[in-house]
Amino acid sequence: YPNATNIDALKKFVEQYPDLHYSKVANDIIESMSEMESVERQWKDLY
């Protein structure tokens, strides 16, 4: 809180407005999304 979102909400935006300039940008982000990862509650280094 308050940052949580979900992939379905993002996909819905792209599907609902397929001809929008910014939905194409959003779709590009969905297909190659940034990632963070933790192991045993320790954050891995980020690149």
ModelCIF file with pLDDT and N, C-alpha, C, O atoms, coordinates in Angstrom:
data_MODEL
#
_entry.id   MODEL 
#
_entity.id                         1 
_entity.type                       polymer 
_entity.pdbx_number_of_molecules   1 
#
_entity_poly.entity_id                      1 
_entity_poly.type                           'polypeptide(L)' 
_entity_poly.nstd_linkage                   no 
_entity_poly.nstd_monomer                   no 
_entity_poly.pdbx_seq_one_letter_code       YPNATNIDALKKFVEQYPDLHYSKVANDIIESMSEMESVERQWKDLY 
_entity_poly.pdbx_seq_one_letter_code_can   YPNATNIDALKKFVEQYPDLHYSKVANDIIESMSEMESVERQWKDLY 
_entity_poly.pdbx_strand_id                 A 
#
loop_
_entity_poly_seq.entity_id 
_entity_poly_seq.num 
_entity_poly_seq.mon_id 
_entity_poly_seq.hetero 
1 1  TYR n 
1 2  PRO n 
1 3  ASN n 
1 4  ALA n 
1 5  THR n 
1 6  ASN n 
1 7  ILE n 
1 8  ASP n 
1 9  ALA n 
1 10 LEU n 
1 11 LYS n 
1 12 LYS n 
1 13 PHE n 
1 14 VAL n 
1 15 GLU n 
1 16 GLN n 
1 17 TYR n 
1 18 PRO n 
1 19 ASP n 
1 20 LEU n 
1 21 HIS n 
1 22 TYR n 
1 23 SER n 
1 24 LYS n 
1 25 VAL n 
1 26 ALA n 
1 27 ASN n 
1 28 ASP n 
1 29 ILE n 
1 30 ILE n 
1 31 GLU n 
1 32 SER n 
1 33 MET n 
1 34 SER n 
1 35 GLU n 
1 36 MET n 
1 37 GLU n 
1 38 SER n 
1 39 VAL n 
1 40 GLU n 
1 41 ARG n 
1 42 GLN n 
1 43 TRP n 
1 44 LYS n 
1 45 ASP n 
1 46 LEU n 
1 47 TYR n 
#
_struct_asym.id          A 
_struct_asym.entity_id   1 
#
loop_
_ma_qa_metric.id 
_ma_qa_metric.mode 
_ma_qa_metric.name 
_ma_qa_metric.software_group_id 
_ma_qa_metric.type 
1 global pLDDT . pLDDT 
2 local  pLDDT . pLDDT 
#
_ma_qa_metric_global.metric_id      1 
_ma_qa_metric_global.metric_value   95.64 
_ma_qa_metric_global.model_id       1 
_ma_qa_metric_global.ordinal_id     1 
#
loop_
_ma_qa_metric_local.label_asym_id 
_ma_qa_metric_local.label_comp_id 
_ma_qa_metric_local.label_seq_id 
_ma_qa_metric_local.metric_id 
_ma_qa_metric_local.metric_value 
_ma_qa_metric_local.model_id 
_ma_qa_metric_local.ordinal_id 
A TYR 1  2 90.00 1 1  
A PRO 2  2 90.00 1 2  
A ASN 3  2 95.00 1 3  
A ALA 4  2 96.00 1 4  
A THR 5  2 96.00 1 5  
A ASN 6  2 92.00 1 6  
A ILE 7  2 95.00 1 7  
A ASP 8  2 96.00 1 8  
A ALA 9  2 95.00 1 9  
A LEU 10 2 96.00 1 10 
A LYS 11 2 97.00 1 11 
A LYS 12 2 97.00 1 12 
A PHE 13 2 97.00 1 13 
A VAL 14 2 97.00 1 14 
A GLU 15 2 97.00 1 15 
A GLN 16 2 97.00 1 16 
A TYR 17 2 97.00 1 17 
A PRO 18 2 95.00 1 18 
A ASP 19 2 95.00 1 19 
A LEU 20 2 96.00 1 20 
A HIS 21 2 96.00 1 21 
A TYR 22 2 97.00 1 22 
A SER 23 2 96.00 1 23 
A LYS 24 2 96.00 1 24 
A VAL 25 2 97.00 1 25 
A ALA 26 2 97.00 1 26 
A ASN 27 2 97.00 1 27 
A ASP 28 2 97.00 1 28 
A ILE 29 2 97.00 1 29 
A ILE 30 2 96.00 1 30 
A GLU 31 2 96.00 1 31 
A SER 32 2 96.00 1 32 
A MET 33 2 97.00 1 33 
A SER 34 2 98.00 1 34 
A GLU 35 2 98.00 1 35 
A MET 36 2 97.00 1 36 
A GLU 37 2 97.00 1 37 
A SER 38 2 95.00 1 38 
A VAL 39 2 93.00 1 39 
A GLU 40 2 89.00 1 40 
A ARG 41 2 88.00 1 41 
A GLN 42 2 93.00 1 42 
A TRP 43 2 96.00 1 43 
A LYS 44 2 97.00 1 44 
A ASP 45 2 97.00 1 45 
A LEU 46 2 98.00 1 46 
A TYR 47 2 98.00 1 47 
#
loop_
_atom_site.group_PDB 
_atom_site.id 
_atom_site.type_symbol 
_atom_site.label_atom_id 
_atom_site.label_alt_id 
_atom_site.label_comp_id 
_atom_site.label_asym_id 
_atom_site.label_entity_id 
_atom_site.label_seq_id 
_atom_site.pdbx_PDB_ins_code 
_atom_site.Cartn_x 
_atom_site.Cartn_y 
_atom_site.Cartn_z 
_atom_site.occupancy 
_atom_site.B_iso_or_equiv 
_atom_site.pdbx_formal_charge 
_atom_site.auth_seq_id 
_atom_site.auth_comp_id 
_atom_site.auth_asym_id 
_atom_site.auth_atom_id 
_atom_site.pdbx_PDB_model_num 
ATOM 1   N N  . TYR A 1 1  ? 0.847   -1.190  0.000   1.00 90.00 ? 1  TYR A N  1 
ATOM 2   C CA . TYR A 1 1  ? 0.000   0.000   0.000   1.00 90.00 ? 1  TYR A CA 1 
ATOM 3   C C  . TYR A 1 1  ? 0.881   1.238   0.000   1.00 90.00 ? 1  TYR A C  1 
ATOM 4   O O  . TYR A 1 1  ? 1.766   1.339   0.849   1.00 90.00 ? 1  TYR A O  1 
ATOM 5   N N  . PRO A 1 2  ? 0.681   2.189   -0.915  1.00 90.00 ? 2  PRO A N  1 
ATOM 6   C CA . PRO A 1 2  ? -0.429  2.261   -1.873  1.00 90.00 ? 2  PRO A CA 1 
ATOM 7   C C  . PRO A 1 2  ? -0.028  1.850   -3.282  1.00 90.00 ? 2  PRO A C  1 
ATOM 8   O O  . PRO A 1 2  ? -0.733  2.177   -4.237  1.00 90.00 ? 2  PRO A O  1 
ATOM 9   N N  . ASN A 1 3  ? 1.101   1.133   -3.437  1.00 95.00 ? 3  ASN A N  1 
ATOM 10  C CA . ASN A 1 3  ? 1.701   0.949   -4.763  1.00 95.00 ? 3  ASN A CA 1 
ATOM 11  C C  . ASN A 1 3  ? 1.211   -0.274  -5.533  1.00 95.00 ? 3  ASN A C  1 
ATOM 12  O O  . ASN A 1 3  ? 1.507   -0.405  -6.721  1.00 95.00 ? 3  ASN A O  1 
ATOM 13  N N  . ALA A 1 4  ? 0.479   -1.159  -4.893  1.00 96.00 ? 4  ALA A N  1 
ATOM 14  C CA . ALA A 1 4  ? 0.098   -2.409  -5.552  1.00 96.00 ? 4  ALA A CA 1 
ATOM 15  C C  . ALA A 1 4  ? -0.800  -2.174  -6.761  1.00 96.00 ? 4  ALA A C  1 
ATOM 16  O O  . ALA A 1 4  ? -1.717  -1.354  -6.725  1.00 96.00 ? 4  ALA A O  1 
ATOM 17  N N  . THR A 1 5  ? -0.516  -2.913  -7.829  1.00 96.00 ? 5  THR A N  1 
ATOM 18  C CA . THR A 1 5  ? -1.378  -2.932  -9.003  1.00 96.00 ? 5  THR A CA 1 
ATOM 19  C C  . THR A 1 5  ? -1.480  -4.385  -9.467  1.00 96.00 ? 5  THR A C  1 
ATOM 20  O O  . THR A 1 5  ? -1.011  -5.284  -8.768  1.00 96.00 ? 5  THR A O  1 
ATOM 21  N N  . ASN A 1 6  ? -2.074  -4.629  -10.615 1.00 92.00 ? 6  ASN A N  1 
ATOM 22  C CA . ASN A 1 6  ? -2.107  -6.008  -11.114 1.00 92.00 ? 6  ASN A CA 1 
ATOM 23  C C  . ASN A 1 6  ? -2.041  -6.012  -12.632 1.00 92.00 ? 6  ASN A C  1 
ATOM 24  O O  . ASN A 1 6  ? -2.453  -5.057  -13.291 1.00 92.00 ? 6  ASN A O  1 
ATOM 25  N N  . ILE A 1 7  ? -1.523  -7.087  -13.167 1.00 95.00 ? 7  ILE A N  1 
ATOM 26  C CA . ILE A 1 7  ? -1.286  -7.193  -14.602 1.00 95.00 ? 7  ILE A CA 1 
ATOM 27  C C  . ILE A 1 7  ? -2.588  -7.179  -15.387 1.00 95.00 ? 7  ILE A C  1 
ATOM 28  O O  . ILE A 1 7  ? -2.626  -6.703  -16.522 1.00 95.00 ? 7  ILE A O  1 
ATOM 29  N N  . ASP A 1 8  ? -3.662  -7.702  -14.785 1.00 96.00 ? 8  ASP A N  1 
ATOM 30  C CA . ASP A 1 8  ? -4.946  -7.727  -15.480 1.00 96.00 ? 8  ASP A CA 1 
ATOM 31  C C  . ASP A 1 8  ? -5.478  -6.313  -15.737 1.00 96.00 ? 8  ASP A C  1 
ATOM 32  O O  . ASP A 1 8  ? -6.062  -6.048  -16.787 1.00 96.00 ? 8  ASP A O  1 
ATOM 33  N N  . ALA A 1 9  ? -5.273  -5.404  -14.768 1.00 95.00 ? 9  ALA A N  1 
ATOM 34  C CA . ALA A 1 9  ? -5.722  -4.016  -14.942 1.00 95.00 ? 9  ALA A CA 1 
ATOM 35  C C  . ALA A 1 9  ? -4.971  -3.350  -16.087 1.00 95.00 ? 9  ALA A C  1 
ATOM 36  O O  . ALA A 1 9  ? -5.552  -2.586  -16.858 1.00 95.00 ? 9  ALA A O  1 
ATOM 37  N N  . LEU A 1 10 ? -3.678  -3.641  -16.195 1.00 96.00 ? 10 LEU A N  1 
ATOM 38  C CA . LEU A 1 10 ? -2.876  -3.080  -17.281 1.00 96.00 ? 10 LEU A CA 1 
ATOM 39  C C  . LEU A 1 10 ? -3.305  -3.650  -18.632 1.00 96.00 ? 10 LEU A C  1 
ATOM 40  O O  . LEU A 1 10 ? -3.445  -2.915  -19.610 1.00 96.00 ? 10 LEU A O  1 
ATOM 41  N N  . LYS A 1 11 ? -3.510  -4.951  -18.676 1.00 97.00 ? 11 LYS A N  1 
ATOM 42  C CA . LYS A 1 11 ? -3.944  -5.588  -19.927 1.00 97.00 ? 11 LYS A CA 1 
ATOM 43  C C  . LYS A 1 11 ? -5.319  -5.094  -20.354 1.00 97.00 ? 11 LYS A C  1 
ATOM 44  O O  . LYS A 1 11 ? -5.584  -4.929  -21.545 1.00 97.00 ? 11 LYS A O  1 
ATOM 45  N N  . LYS A 1 12 ? -6.189  -4.860  -19.386 1.00 97.00 ? 12 LYS A N  1 
ATOM 46  C CA . LYS A 1 12 ? -7.526  -4.358  -19.690 1.00 97.00 ? 12 LYS A CA 1 
ATOM 47  C C  . LYS A 1 12 ? -7.452  -2.988  -20.361 1.00 97.00 ? 12 LYS A C  1 
ATOM 48  O O  . LYS A 1 12 ? -8.195  -2.711  -21.302 1.00 97.00 ? 12 LYS A O  1 
ATOM 49  N N  . PHE A 1 13 ? -6.556  -2.139  -19.875 1.00 97.00 ? 13 PHE A N  1 
ATOM 50  C CA . PHE A 1 13 ? -6.375  -0.823  -20.490 1.00 97.00 ? 13 PHE A CA 1 
ATOM 51  C C  . PHE A 1 13 ? -5.959  -0.966  -21.951 1.00 97.00 ? 13 PHE A C  1 
ATOM 52  O O  . PHE A 1 13 ? -6.501  -0.289  -22.825 1.00 97.00 ? 13 PHE A O  1 
ATOM 53  N N  . VAL A 1 14 ? -4.999  -1.844  -22.211 1.00 97.00 ? 14 VAL A N  1 
ATOM 54  C CA . VAL A 1 14 ? -4.514  -2.056  -23.581 1.00 97.00 ? 14 VAL A CA 1 
ATOM 55  C C  . VAL A 1 14 ? -5.618  -2.614  -24.469 1.00 97.00 ? 14 VAL A C  1 
ATOM 56  O O  . VAL A 1 14 ? -5.773  -2.186  -25.613 1.00 97.00 ? 14 VAL A O  1 
ATOM 57  N N  . GLU A 1 15 ? -6.388  -3.572  -23.943 1.00 97.00 ? 15 GLU A N  1 
ATOM 58  C CA . GLU A 1 15 ? -7.459  -4.197  -24.731 1.00 97.00 ? 15 GLU A CA 1 
ATOM 59  C C  . GLU A 1 15 ? -8.624  -3.233  -24.977 1.00 97.00 ? 15 GLU A C  1 
ATOM 60  O O  . GLU A 1 15 ? -9.245  -3.255  -26.039 1.00 97.00 ? 15 GLU A O  1 
ATOM 61  N N  . GLN A 1 16 ? -8.911  -2.391  -23.985 1.00 97.00 ? 16 GLN A N  1 
ATOM 62  C CA . GLN A 1 16 ? -10.043 -1.473  -24.094 1.00 97.00 ? 16 GLN A CA 1 
ATOM 63  C C  . GLN A 1 16 ? -9.762  -0.315  -25.052 1.00 97.00 ? 16 GLN A C  1 
ATOM 64  O O  . GLN A 1 16 ? -10.669 0.195   -25.710 1.00 97.00 ? 16 GLN A O  1 
ATOM 65  N N  . TYR A 1 17 ? -8.487  0.094   -25.121 1.00 97.00 ? 17 TYR A N  1 
ATOM 66  C CA . TYR A 1 17 ? -8.121  1.229   -25.977 1.00 97.00 ? 17 TYR A CA 1 
ATOM 67  C C  . TYR A 1 17 ? -6.967  0.833   -26.909 1.00 97.00 ? 17 TYR A C  1 
ATOM 68  O O  . TYR A 1 17 ? -5.875  1.394   -26.813 1.00 97.00 ? 17 TYR A O  1 
ATOM 69  N N  . PRO A 1 18 ? -7.202  -0.126  -27.805 1.00 95.00 ? 18 PRO A N  1 
ATOM 70  C CA . PRO A 1 18 ? -6.108  -0.652  -28.632 1.00 95.00 ? 18 PRO A CA 1 
ATOM 71  C C  . PRO A 1 18 ? -5.498  0.366   -29.593 1.00 95.00 ? 18 PRO A C  1 
ATOM 72  O O  . PRO A 1 18 ? -4.348  0.213   -30.007 1.00 95.00 ? 18 PRO A O  1 
ATOM 73  N N  . ASP A 1 19 ? -6.255  1.400   -29.951 1.00 95.00 ? 19 ASP A N  1 
ATOM 74  C CA . ASP A 1 19 ? -5.762  2.368   -30.929 1.00 95.00 ? 19 ASP A CA 1 
ATOM 75  C C  . ASP A 1 19 ? -5.072  3.576   -30.299 1.00 95.00 ? 19 ASP A C  1 
ATOM 76  O O  . ASP A 1 19 ? -4.545  4.430   -31.012 1.00 95.00 ? 19 ASP A O  1 
ATOM 77  N N  . LEU A 1 20 ? -5.073  3.651   -28.972 1.00 96.00 ? 20 LEU A N  1 
ATOM 78  C CA . LEU A 1 20 ? -4.413  4.771   -28.316 1.00 96.00 ? 20 LEU A CA 1 
ATOM 79  C C  . LEU A 1 20 ? -2.899  4.684   -28.477 1.00 96.00 ? 20 LEU A C  1 
ATOM 80  O O  . LEU A 1 20 ? -2.319  3.598   -28.459 1.00 96.00 ? 20 LEU A O  1 
ATOM 81  N N  . HIS A 1 21 ? -2.280  5.829   -28.632 1.00 96.00 ? 21 HIS A N  1 
ATOM 82  C CA . HIS A 1 21 ? -0.815  5.895   -28.664 1.00 96.00 ? 21 HIS A CA 1 
ATOM 83  C C  . HIS A 1 21 ? -0.230  5.325   -27.383 1.00 96.00 ? 21 HIS A C  1 
ATOM 84  O O  . HIS A 1 21 ? 0.725   4.549   -27.429 1.00 96.00 ? 21 HIS A O  1 
ATOM 85  N N  . TYR A 1 22 ? -0.799  5.706   -26.228 1.00 97.00 ? 22 TYR A N  1 
ATOM 86  C CA . TYR A 1 22 ? -0.215  5.309   -24.949 1.00 97.00 ? 22 TYR A CA 1 
ATOM 87  C C  . TYR A 1 22 ? -0.537  3.874   -24.567 1.00 97.00 ? 22 TYR A C  1 
ATOM 88  O O  . TYR A 1 22 ? 0.151   3.301   -23.721 1.00 97.00 ? 22 TYR A O  1 
ATOM 89  N N  . SER A 1 23 ? -1.557  3.279   -25.159 1.00 96.00 ? 23 SER A N  1 
ATOM 90  C CA . SER A 1 23 ? -1.808  1.861   -24.880 1.00 96.00 ? 23 SER A CA 1 
ATOM 91  C C  . SER A 1 23 ? -0.751  1.001   -25.564 1.00 96.00 ? 23 SER A C  1 
ATOM 92  O O  . SER A 1 23 ? -0.401  -0.070  -25.068 1.00 96.00 ? 23 SER A O  1 
ATOM 93  N N  . LYS A 1 24 ? -0.245  1.468   -26.698 1.00 96.00 ? 24 LYS A N  1 
ATOM 94  C CA . LYS A 1 24 ? 0.850   0.744   -27.369 1.00 96.00 ? 24 LYS A CA 1 
ATOM 95  C C  . LYS A 1 24 ? 2.120   0.810   -26.523 1.00 96.00 ? 24 LYS A C  1 
ATOM 96  O O  . LYS A 1 24 ? 2.868   -0.164  -26.431 1.00 96.00 ? 24 LYS A O  1 
ATOM 97  N N  . VAL A 1 25 ? 2.352   1.961   -25.912 1.00 97.00 ? 25 VAL A N  1 
ATOM 98  C CA . VAL A 1 25 ? 3.501   2.103   -25.018 1.00 97.00 ? 25 VAL A CA 1 
ATOM 99  C C  . VAL A 1 25 ? 3.340   1.177   -23.808 1.00 97.00 ? 25 VAL A C  1 
ATOM 100 O O  . VAL A 1 25 ? 4.282   0.491   -23.410 1.00 97.00 ? 25 VAL A O  1 
ATOM 101 N N  . ALA A 1 26 ? 2.141   1.168   -23.234 1.00 97.00 ? 26 ALA A N  1 
ATOM 102 C CA . ALA A 1 26 ? 1.872   0.314   -22.072 1.00 97.00 ? 26 ALA A CA 1 
ATOM 103 C C  . ALA A 1 26 ? 2.046   -1.155  -22.419 1.00 97.00 ? 26 ALA A C  1 
ATOM 104 O O  . ALA A 1 26 ? 2.552   -1.935  -21.611 1.00 97.00 ? 26 ALA A O  1 
ATOM 105 N N  . ASN A 1 27 ? 1.626   -1.531  -23.619 1.00 97.00 ? 27 ASN A N  1 
ATOM 106 C CA . ASN A 1 27 ? 1.768   -2.927  -24.033 1.00 97.00 ? 27 ASN A CA 1 
ATOM 107 C C  . ASN A 1 27 ? 3.233   -3.314  -24.162 1.00 97.00 ? 27 ASN A C  1 
ATOM 108 O O  . ASN A 1 27 ? 3.604   -4.437  -23.820 1.00 97.00 ? 27 ASN A O  1 
ATOM 109 N N  . ASP A 1 28 ? 4.071   -2.406  -24.647 1.00 97.00 ? 28 ASP A N  1 
ATOM 110 C CA . ASP A 1 28 ? 5.507   -2.650  -24.740 1.00 97.00 ? 28 ASP A CA 1 
ATOM 111 C C  . ASP A 1 28 ? 6.083   -2.931  -23.349 1.00 97.00 ? 28 ASP A C  1 
ATOM 112 O O  . ASP A 1 28 ? 6.929   -3.811  -23.187 1.00 97.00 ? 28 ASP A O  1 
ATOM 113 N N  . ILE A 1 29 ? 5.618   -2.173  -22.346 1.00 97.00 ? 29 ILE A N  1 
ATOM 114 C CA . ILE A 1 29 ? 6.091   -2.352  -20.972 1.00 97.00 ? 29 ILE A CA 1 
ATOM 115 C C  . ILE A 1 29 ? 5.609   -3.674  -20.388 1.00 97.00 ? 29 ILE A C  1 
ATOM 116 O O  . ILE A 1 29 ? 6.360   -4.355  -19.690 1.00 97.00 ? 29 ILE A O  1 
ATOM 117 N N  . ILE A 1 30 ? 4.365   -4.039  -20.669 1.00 96.00 ? 30 ILE A N  1 
ATOM 118 C CA . ILE A 1 30 ? 3.823   -5.315  -20.186 1.00 96.00 ? 30 ILE A CA 1 
ATOM 119 C C  . ILE A 1 30 ? 4.649   -6.486  -20.704 1.00 96.00 ? 30 ILE A C  1 
ATOM 120 O O  . ILE A 1 30 ? 4.897   -7.446  -19.975 1.00 96.00 ? 30 ILE A O  1 
ATOM 121 N N  . GLU A 1 31 ? 5.072   -6.407  -21.958 1.00 96.00 ? 31 GLU A N  1 
ATOM 122 C CA . GLU A 1 31 ? 5.782   -7.519  -22.588 1.00 96.00 ? 31 GLU A CA 1 
ATOM 123 C C  . GLU A 1 31 ? 7.230   -7.642  -22.123 1.00 96.00 ? 31 GLU A C  1 
ATOM 124 O O  . GLU A 1 31 ? 7.850   -8.690  -22.305 1.00 96.00 ? 31 GLU A O  1 
ATOM 125 N N  . SER A 1 32 ? 7.776   -6.580  -21.521 1.00 96.00 ? 32 SER A N  1 
ATOM 126 C CA . SER A 1 32 ? 9.167   -6.665  -21.027 1.00 96.00 ? 32 SER A CA 1 
ATOM 127 C C  . SER A 1 32 ? 9.285   -5.817  -19.755 1.00 96.00 ? 32 SER A C  1 
ATOM 128 O O  . SER A 1 32 ? 9.968   -4.793  -19.735 1.00 96.00 ? 32 SER A O  1 
ATOM 129 N N  . MET A 1 33 ? 8.615   -6.261  -18.714 1.00 97.00 ? 33 MET A N  1 
ATOM 130 C CA . MET A 1 33 ? 8.497   -5.459  -17.501 1.00 97.00 ? 33 MET A CA 1 
ATOM 131 C C  . MET A 1 33 ? 9.732   -5.563  -16.612 1.00 97.00 ? 33 MET A C  1 
ATOM 132 O O  . MET A 1 33 ? 10.356  -6.619  -16.505 1.00 97.00 ? 33 MET A O  1 
ATOM 133 N N  . SER A 1 34 ? 10.069  -4.439  -15.977 1.00 98.00 ? 34 SER A N  1 
ATOM 134 C CA . SER A 1 34 ? 11.174  -4.418  -15.022 1.00 98.00 ? 34 SER A CA 1 
ATOM 135 C C  . SER A 1 34 ? 10.890  -5.366  -13.862 1.00 98.00 ? 34 SER A C  1 
ATOM 136 O O  . SER A 1 34 ? 9.735   -5.639  -13.535 1.00 98.00 ? 34 SER A O  1 
ATOM 137 N N  . GLU A 1 35 ? 11.975  -5.869  -13.237 1.00 98.00 ? 35 GLU A N  1 
ATOM 138 C CA . GLU A 1 35 ? 11.823  -6.864  -12.172 1.00 98.00 ? 35 GLU A CA 1 
ATOM 139 C C  . GLU A 1 35 ? 12.747  -6.586  -10.991 1.00 98.00 ? 35 GLU A C  1 
ATOM 140 O O  . GLU A 1 35 ? 13.891  -6.166  -11.168 1.00 98.00 ? 35 GLU A O  1 
ATOM 141 N N  . MET A 1 36 ? 12.234  -6.825  -9.782  1.00 97.00 ? 36 MET A N  1 
ATOM 142 C CA . MET A 1 36 ? 13.035  -6.860  -8.554  1.00 97.00 ? 36 MET A CA 1 
ATOM 143 C C  . MET A 1 36 ? 12.861  -8.248  -7.966  1.00 97.00 ? 36 MET A C  1 
ATOM 144 O O  . MET A 1 36 ? 11.836  -8.897  -8.177  1.00 97.00 ? 36 MET A O  1 
ATOM 145 N N  . GLU A 1 37 ? 13.869  -8.702  -7.223  1.00 97.00 ? 37 GLU A N  1 
ATOM 146 C CA . GLU A 1 37 ? 13.773  -10.073 -6.686  1.00 97.00 ? 37 GLU A CA 1 
ATOM 147 C C  . GLU A 1 37 ? 14.443  -10.164 -5.319  1.00 97.00 ? 37 GLU A C  1 
ATOM 148 O O  . GLU A 1 37 ? 15.528  -9.627  -5.098  1.00 97.00 ? 37 GLU A O  1 
ATOM 149 N N  . SER A 1 38 ? 13.768  -10.856 -4.419  1.00 95.00 ? 38 SER A N  1 
ATOM 150 C CA . SER A 1 38 ? 14.353  -11.099 -3.099  1.00 95.00 ? 38 SER A CA 1 
ATOM 151 C C  . SER A 1 38 ? 14.508  -12.601 -2.865  1.00 95.00 ? 38 SER A C  1 
ATOM 152 O O  . SER A 1 38 ? 13.702  -13.401 -3.340  1.00 95.00 ? 38 SER A O  1 
ATOM 153 N N  . VAL A 1 39 ? 15.564  -12.973 -2.120  1.00 93.00 ? 39 VAL A N  1 
ATOM 154 C CA . VAL A 1 39 ? 15.811  -14.362 -1.730  1.00 93.00 ? 39 VAL A CA 1 
ATOM 155 C C  . VAL A 1 39 ? 16.060  -14.359 -0.235  1.00 93.00 ? 39 VAL A C  1 
ATOM 156 O O  . VAL A 1 39 ? 16.947  -13.668 0.266   1.00 93.00 ? 39 VAL A O  1 
ATOM 157 N N  . GLU A 1 40 ? 15.251  -15.152 0.472   1.00 89.00 ? 40 GLU A N  1 
ATOM 158 C CA . GLU A 1 40 ? 15.339  -15.198 1.939   1.00 89.00 ? 40 GLU A CA 1 
ATOM 159 C C  . GLU A 1 40 ? 15.290  -13.782 2.535   1.00 89.00 ? 40 GLU A C  1 
ATOM 160 O O  . GLU A 1 40 ? 16.061  -13.427 3.426   1.00 89.00 ? 40 GLU A O  1 
ATOM 161 N N  . ARG A 1 41 ? 14.359  -13.002 2.007   1.00 88.00 ? 41 ARG A N  1 
ATOM 162 C CA . ARG A 1 41 ? 14.085  -11.634 2.468   1.00 88.00 ? 41 ARG A CA 1 
ATOM 163 C C  . ARG A 1 41 ? 15.249  -10.668 2.262   1.00 88.00 ? 41 ARG A C  1 
ATOM 164 O O  . ARG A 1 41 ? 15.304  -9.608  2.885   1.00 88.00 ? 41 ARG A O  1 
ATOM 165 N N  . GLN A 1 42 ? 16.162  -11.036 1.399   1.00 93.00 ? 42 GLN A N  1 
ATOM 166 C CA . GLN A 1 42 ? 17.279  -10.156 1.052   1.00 93.00 ? 42 GLN A CA 1 
ATOM 167 C C  . GLN A 1 42 ? 17.155  -9.769  -0.429  1.00 93.00 ? 42 GLN A C  1 
ATOM 168 O O  . GLN A 1 42 ? 17.001  -10.628 -1.297  1.00 93.00 ? 42 GLN A O  1 
ATOM 169 N N  . TRP A 1 43 ? 17.225  -8.468  -0.692  1.00 96.00 ? 43 TRP A N  1 
ATOM 170 C CA . TRP A 1 43 ? 17.087  -8.026  -2.076  1.00 96.00 ? 43 TRP A CA 1 
ATOM 171 C C  . TRP A 1 43 ? 18.349  -8.315  -2.867  1.00 96.00 ? 43 TRP A C  1 
ATOM 172 O O  . TRP A 1 43 ? 19.459  -8.008  -2.430  1.00 96.00 ? 43 TRP A O  1 
ATOM 173 N N  . LYS A 1 44 ? 18.164  -8.906  -4.031  1.00 97.00 ? 44 LYS A N  1 
ATOM 174 C CA . LYS A 1 44 ? 19.284  -9.081  -4.948  1.00 97.00 ? 44 LYS A CA 1 
ATOM 175 C C  . LYS A 1 44 ? 19.698  -7.719  -5.514  1.00 97.00 ? 44 LYS A C  1 
ATOM 176 O O  . LYS A 1 44 ? 18.886  -6.797  -5.584  1.00 97.00 ? 44 LYS A O  1 
ATOM 177 N N  . ASP A 1 45 ? 20.962  -7.601  -5.915  1.00 97.00 ? 45 ASP A N  1 
ATOM 178 C CA . ASP A 1 45 ? 21.404  -6.380  -6.583  1.00 97.00 ? 45 ASP A CA 1 
ATOM 179 C C  . ASP A 1 45 ? 20.555  -6.138  -7.836  1.00 97.00 ? 45 ASP A C  1 
ATOM 180 O O  . ASP A 1 45 ? 20.049  -7.072  -8.459  1.00 97.00 ? 45 ASP A O  1 
ATOM 181 N N  . LEU A 1 46 ? 20.417  -4.863  -8.179  1.00 98.00 ? 46 LEU A N  1 
ATOM 182 C CA . LEU A 1 46 ? 19.653  -4.494  -9.366  1.00 98.00 ? 46 LEU A CA 1 
ATOM 183 C C  . LEU A 1 46 ? 20.576  -3.935  -10.432 1.00 98.00 ? 46 LEU A C  1 
ATOM 184 O O  . LEU A 1 46 ? 21.564  -3.267  -10.130 1.00 98.00 ? 46 LEU A O  1 
ATOM 185 N N  . TYR A 1 47 ? 20.241  -4.216  -11.684 1.00 98.00 ? 47 TYR A N  1 
ATOM 186 C CA . TYR A 1 47 ? 20.986  -3.697  -12.825 1.00 98.00 ? 47 TYR A CA 1 
ATOM 187 C C  . TYR A 1 47 ? 20.062  -2.768  -13.611 1.00 98.00 ? 47 TYR A C  1 
ATOM 188 O O  . TYR A 1 47 ? 20.471  -2.204  -14.626 1.00 98.00 ? 47 TYR A O  1 
#
